[in-house]
């Protein structure tokens, strides 16, 4: 297993801060669900919203019009975000950079 630090491309520091503030104000203390987004709507309203580790950044960014889900499937995974053309790799640990060229 490895670690990847990613950043959404072509976004200013101010835009990133807005997304982070939205996530902090609206997505903290939400219940966990492996199947978040698998229901009727992939991005439901904040009422009764459940999250998992990949769905949280996806939900925050999609709220601002950036879809990080590379395969546009029903469940957002870390693989989907890692392979999104909307992100750039800042740092990798325990992963081969040649896998992403």
N, C-alpha and C. Protein backbone atom coordinates (compact mmCIF):
# COMPACT_ATOMS: atom_id res chain seq x y z
N UNK A 1 0.85 -1.19 0.00
CA UNK A 1 0.00 0.00 0.00
C UNK A 1 0.88 1.23 0.00
N UNK A 2 0.41 2.25 -0.66
CA UNK A 2 1.16 3.49 -0.75
C UNK A 2 0.32 4.68 -0.39
N UNK A 3 0.96 5.84 -0.46
CA UNK A 3 0.29 7.09 -0.15
C UNK A 3 0.52 8.05 -1.31
N UNK A 4 -0.52 8.73 -1.72
CA UNK A 4 -0.41 9.75 -2.76
C UNK A 4 -0.98 11.06 -2.22
N UNK A 5 -0.23 12.13 -2.40
CA UNK A 5 -0.71 13.47 -2.07
C UNK A 5 -1.10 14.10 -3.40
N UNK A 6 -2.36 14.49 -3.51
CA UNK A 6 -2.90 15.02 -4.75
C UNK A 6 -3.37 16.45 -4.57
N UNK A 7 -3.45 17.17 -5.69
CA UNK A 7 -3.99 18.53 -5.66
C UNK A 7 -4.84 18.70 -6.92
N UNK A 8 -5.97 19.35 -6.77
CA UNK A 8 -6.82 19.62 -7.93
C UNK A 8 -6.11 20.65 -8.80
N UNK A 9 -6.03 20.33 -10.09
CA UNK A 9 -5.32 21.19 -11.05
C UNK A 9 -6.07 22.52 -11.29
N UNK A 10 -5.29 23.50 -11.65
CA UNK A 10 -5.83 24.78 -12.15
C UNK A 10 -6.79 25.47 -11.19
N UNK A 11 -6.58 25.30 -9.90
CA UNK A 11 -7.40 25.99 -8.90
C UNK A 11 -6.49 26.85 -8.04
N UNK A 12 -6.96 28.04 -7.74
CA UNK A 12 -6.18 28.96 -6.93
C UNK A 12 -6.24 28.54 -5.46
N UNK A 13 -5.35 29.10 -4.70
CA UNK A 13 -5.35 28.85 -3.25
C UNK A 13 -6.69 29.28 -2.67
N UNK A 14 -7.23 30.39 -3.13
CA UNK A 14 -8.53 30.87 -2.63
C UNK A 14 -9.65 29.87 -2.95
N UNK A 15 -9.64 29.30 -4.15
CA UNK A 15 -10.66 28.30 -4.51
C UNK A 15 -10.51 27.05 -3.64
N UNK A 16 -9.27 26.62 -3.42
CA UNK A 16 -9.06 25.45 -2.56
C UNK A 16 -9.53 25.71 -1.14
N UNK A 17 -9.29 26.93 -0.65
CA UNK A 17 -9.74 27.29 0.69
C UNK A 17 -11.26 27.25 0.80
N UNK A 18 -11.96 27.71 -0.24
CA UNK A 18 -13.43 27.67 -0.23
C UNK A 18 -13.93 26.24 -0.12
N UNK A 19 -13.32 25.33 -0.86
CA UNK A 19 -13.72 23.93 -0.82
C UNK A 19 -13.44 23.35 0.57
N UNK A 20 -12.27 23.66 1.12
CA UNK A 20 -11.92 23.16 2.46
C UNK A 20 -12.88 23.71 3.51
N UNK A 21 -13.24 24.98 3.42
CA UNK A 21 -14.19 25.56 4.37
C UNK A 21 -15.56 24.91 4.25
N UNK A 22 -16.01 24.67 3.02
CA UNK A 22 -17.28 23.99 2.81
C UNK A 22 -17.24 22.60 3.45
N UNK A 23 -16.15 21.87 3.21
CA UNK A 23 -16.02 20.52 3.77
C UNK A 23 -16.01 20.56 5.29
N UNK A 24 -15.26 21.48 5.86
CA UNK A 24 -15.18 21.58 7.32
C UNK A 24 -16.55 21.92 7.91
N UNK A 25 -17.25 22.88 7.31
CA UNK A 25 -18.53 23.34 7.85
C UNK A 25 -19.67 22.36 7.62
N UNK A 26 -19.59 21.55 6.55
CA UNK A 26 -20.73 20.72 6.18
C UNK A 26 -20.50 19.21 6.21
N UNK A 27 -19.24 18.79 6.22
CA UNK A 27 -18.98 17.35 6.08
C UNK A 27 -18.30 16.71 7.28
N UNK A 28 -17.98 17.49 8.30
CA UNK A 28 -17.40 16.89 9.50
C UNK A 28 -18.50 16.24 10.34
N UNK A 29 -18.12 15.25 11.10
CA UNK A 29 -19.04 14.53 11.99
C UNK A 29 -20.19 13.84 11.27
N UNK A 30 -19.98 13.47 10.03
CA UNK A 30 -21.00 12.72 9.29
C UNK A 30 -20.81 11.23 9.56
N UNK A 31 -21.88 10.46 9.55
CA UNK A 31 -21.73 9.02 9.73
C UNK A 31 -21.00 8.39 8.54
N UNK A 32 -20.30 7.30 8.80
CA UNK A 32 -19.56 6.57 7.77
C UNK A 32 -20.47 5.58 7.06
N UNK A 33 -20.26 5.45 5.75
CA UNK A 33 -20.92 4.40 4.98
C UNK A 33 -20.05 4.05 3.79
N UNK A 34 -19.68 2.79 3.68
CA UNK A 34 -18.91 2.32 2.54
C UNK A 34 -19.66 2.56 1.24
N UNK A 35 -20.98 2.59 1.30
CA UNK A 35 -21.81 2.71 0.10
C UNK A 35 -22.32 4.14 -0.13
N UNK A 36 -21.62 5.12 0.43
CA UNK A 36 -22.02 6.52 0.22
C UNK A 36 -22.08 6.80 -1.28
N UNK A 37 -23.14 7.45 -1.71
CA UNK A 37 -23.32 7.79 -3.11
C UNK A 37 -23.94 6.70 -3.95
N UNK A 38 -24.20 5.55 -3.36
CA UNK A 38 -24.71 4.41 -4.11
C UNK A 38 -26.23 4.42 -4.23
N UNK A 39 -26.88 5.34 -3.57
CA UNK A 39 -28.34 5.38 -3.57
C UNK A 39 -28.93 5.99 -4.82
N UNK A 40 -30.09 6.57 -4.66
CA UNK A 40 -30.84 7.14 -5.78
C UNK A 40 -30.04 8.23 -6.49
N UNK A 41 -29.40 9.09 -5.72
CA UNK A 41 -28.58 10.16 -6.29
C UNK A 41 -27.15 10.02 -5.78
N UNK A 42 -26.19 10.18 -6.69
CA UNK A 42 -24.79 10.06 -6.29
C UNK A 42 -24.41 11.19 -5.34
N UNK A 43 -24.95 12.38 -5.56
CA UNK A 43 -24.64 13.53 -4.70
C UNK A 43 -25.93 14.05 -4.07
N UNK A 44 -26.41 13.37 -3.04
CA UNK A 44 -27.65 13.82 -2.39
C UNK A 44 -27.43 15.14 -1.64
N UNK A 45 -28.52 15.70 -1.18
CA UNK A 45 -28.41 16.91 -0.36
C UNK A 45 -27.69 16.58 0.94
N UNK A 46 -27.34 17.60 1.67
CA UNK A 46 -26.62 17.40 2.92
C UNK A 46 -27.47 16.71 3.99
N UNK A 47 -28.78 16.71 3.84
CA UNK A 47 -29.65 16.01 4.79
C UNK A 47 -29.36 14.51 4.74
N UNK A 48 -29.06 13.93 5.86
CA UNK A 48 -28.81 12.49 5.98
C UNK A 48 -27.63 11.98 5.16
N UNK A 49 -26.70 12.85 4.81
CA UNK A 49 -25.54 12.46 4.03
C UNK A 49 -24.59 11.60 4.85
N UNK A 50 -24.12 10.52 4.25
CA UNK A 50 -23.11 9.66 4.86
C UNK A 50 -21.88 9.70 3.96
N UNK A 51 -20.70 9.46 4.54
CA UNK A 51 -19.46 9.59 3.80
C UNK A 51 -18.52 8.42 4.01
N UNK A 52 -17.57 8.28 3.12
CA UNK A 52 -16.38 7.46 3.34
C UNK A 52 -15.19 8.29 2.87
N UNK A 53 -13.97 7.77 3.06
CA UNK A 53 -12.77 8.59 2.89
C UNK A 53 -12.62 9.19 1.49
N UNK A 54 -13.03 8.51 0.45
CA UNK A 54 -12.92 9.04 -0.91
C UNK A 54 -14.11 9.91 -1.28
N UNK A 55 -15.24 9.58 -0.72
CA UNK A 55 -16.47 10.32 -1.05
C UNK A 55 -16.44 11.74 -0.49
N UNK A 56 -15.75 11.92 0.62
CA UNK A 56 -15.70 13.25 1.25
C UNK A 56 -15.06 14.29 0.33
N UNK A 57 -13.82 14.09 -0.16
CA UNK A 57 -13.26 15.12 -1.06
C UNK A 57 -14.03 15.20 -2.38
N UNK A 58 -14.52 14.06 -2.87
CA UNK A 58 -15.30 14.10 -4.10
C UNK A 58 -16.54 14.98 -3.91
N UNK A 59 -17.26 14.77 -2.81
CA UNK A 59 -18.48 15.53 -2.56
C UNK A 59 -18.18 17.02 -2.44
N UNK A 60 -17.12 17.35 -1.72
CA UNK A 60 -16.77 18.76 -1.53
C UNK A 60 -16.45 19.42 -2.87
N UNK A 61 -15.64 18.77 -3.68
CA UNK A 61 -15.27 19.37 -4.97
C UNK A 61 -16.43 19.39 -5.95
N UNK A 62 -17.26 18.35 -5.97
CA UNK A 62 -18.38 18.36 -6.91
C UNK A 62 -19.36 19.46 -6.56
N UNK A 63 -19.43 19.83 -5.28
CA UNK A 63 -20.28 20.95 -4.87
C UNK A 63 -19.86 22.24 -5.58
N UNK A 64 -18.59 22.33 -5.94
CA UNK A 64 -18.06 23.50 -6.64
C UNK A 64 -17.83 23.21 -8.13
N UNK A 65 -18.45 22.14 -8.64
CA UNK A 65 -18.44 21.87 -10.07
C UNK A 65 -17.26 21.07 -10.60
N UNK A 66 -16.48 20.45 -9.72
CA UNK A 66 -15.33 19.65 -10.16
C UNK A 66 -15.59 18.19 -9.78
N UNK A 67 -15.75 17.34 -10.79
CA UNK A 67 -16.01 15.92 -10.56
C UNK A 67 -14.70 15.15 -10.61
N UNK A 68 -14.23 14.67 -9.47
CA UNK A 68 -12.96 13.95 -9.38
C UNK A 68 -13.09 12.46 -9.67
N UNK A 69 -14.27 11.98 -9.96
CA UNK A 69 -14.50 10.55 -10.20
C UNK A 69 -14.11 10.21 -11.64
N UNK A 70 -12.97 9.56 -11.82
CA UNK A 70 -12.44 9.30 -13.16
C UNK A 70 -13.31 8.36 -13.99
N UNK A 71 -14.01 7.42 -13.36
CA UNK A 71 -14.83 6.50 -14.15
C UNK A 71 -16.33 6.82 -14.10
N UNK A 72 -16.69 7.85 -13.36
CA UNK A 72 -18.09 8.31 -13.26
C UNK A 72 -19.04 7.22 -12.80
N UNK A 73 -18.51 6.25 -12.02
CA UNK A 73 -19.34 5.15 -11.51
C UNK A 73 -20.21 5.59 -10.35
N UNK A 74 -20.91 4.63 -9.76
CA UNK A 74 -21.84 4.92 -8.67
C UNK A 74 -21.13 5.14 -7.34
N UNK A 75 -19.96 4.53 -7.15
CA UNK A 75 -19.21 4.70 -5.92
C UNK A 75 -17.86 5.34 -6.26
N UNK A 76 -17.48 6.35 -5.52
CA UNK A 76 -16.19 7.02 -5.72
C UNK A 76 -15.15 6.30 -4.85
N UNK A 77 -14.06 5.91 -5.47
CA UNK A 77 -12.98 5.23 -4.74
C UNK A 77 -11.71 6.07 -4.80
N UNK A 78 -10.75 5.71 -3.97
CA UNK A 78 -9.46 6.41 -4.02
C UNK A 78 -8.80 6.20 -5.37
N UNK A 79 -8.97 5.04 -5.97
CA UNK A 79 -8.44 4.77 -7.32
C UNK A 79 -9.03 5.76 -8.32
N UNK A 80 -10.34 5.99 -8.23
CA UNK A 80 -11.00 6.93 -9.15
C UNK A 80 -10.38 8.33 -9.04
N UNK A 81 -10.17 8.78 -7.83
CA UNK A 81 -9.61 10.13 -7.63
C UNK A 81 -8.16 10.17 -8.07
N UNK A 82 -7.37 9.15 -7.72
CA UNK A 82 -5.97 9.09 -8.10
C UNK A 82 -5.79 9.14 -9.62
N UNK A 83 -6.73 8.56 -10.36
CA UNK A 83 -6.63 8.51 -11.82
C UNK A 83 -7.46 9.59 -12.52
N UNK A 84 -7.96 10.55 -11.77
CA UNK A 84 -8.73 11.64 -12.36
C UNK A 84 -7.81 12.58 -13.13
N UNK A 85 -8.26 13.02 -14.28
CA UNK A 85 -7.48 14.00 -15.04
C UNK A 85 -7.58 15.40 -14.43
N UNK A 86 -8.34 15.53 -13.38
CA UNK A 86 -8.51 16.82 -12.71
C UNK A 86 -7.52 17.03 -11.57
N UNK A 87 -6.72 16.00 -11.25
CA UNK A 87 -5.75 16.13 -10.16
C UNK A 87 -4.33 15.97 -10.67
N UNK A 88 -3.40 16.53 -9.90
CA UNK A 88 -1.99 16.33 -10.16
C UNK A 88 -1.37 15.71 -8.92
N UNK A 89 -0.35 14.91 -9.15
CA UNK A 89 0.34 14.25 -8.05
C UNK A 89 1.37 15.21 -7.48
N UNK A 90 1.29 15.44 -6.18
CA UNK A 90 2.25 16.28 -5.48
C UNK A 90 3.38 15.42 -4.94
N UNK A 91 3.03 14.25 -4.38
CA UNK A 91 4.04 13.37 -3.81
C UNK A 91 3.50 11.95 -3.76
N UNK A 92 4.39 10.99 -3.95
CA UNK A 92 4.05 9.58 -3.83
C UNK A 92 4.98 8.93 -2.82
N UNK A 93 4.45 7.98 -2.06
CA UNK A 93 5.25 7.19 -1.15
C UNK A 93 4.80 5.74 -1.29
N UNK A 94 5.75 4.86 -1.59
CA UNK A 94 5.42 3.45 -1.73
C UNK A 94 4.66 3.12 -3.00
N UNK A 95 4.74 4.00 -3.99
CA UNK A 95 4.08 3.79 -5.28
C UNK A 95 5.08 4.13 -6.37
N UNK A 96 4.99 3.46 -7.50
CA UNK A 96 5.88 3.70 -8.62
C UNK A 96 5.34 4.84 -9.49
N UNK A 97 6.09 5.95 -9.61
CA UNK A 97 5.63 7.06 -10.43
C UNK A 97 5.41 6.67 -11.89
N UNK A 98 6.11 5.65 -12.37
CA UNK A 98 5.94 5.21 -13.75
C UNK A 98 4.55 4.63 -14.02
N UNK A 99 3.85 4.26 -12.97
CA UNK A 99 2.48 3.76 -13.14
C UNK A 99 1.52 4.87 -13.53
N UNK A 100 1.95 6.10 -13.44
CA UNK A 100 1.06 7.24 -13.70
C UNK A 100 1.49 8.05 -14.91
N UNK A 101 2.45 7.56 -15.66
CA UNK A 101 2.92 8.27 -16.86
C UNK A 101 2.16 7.82 -18.08
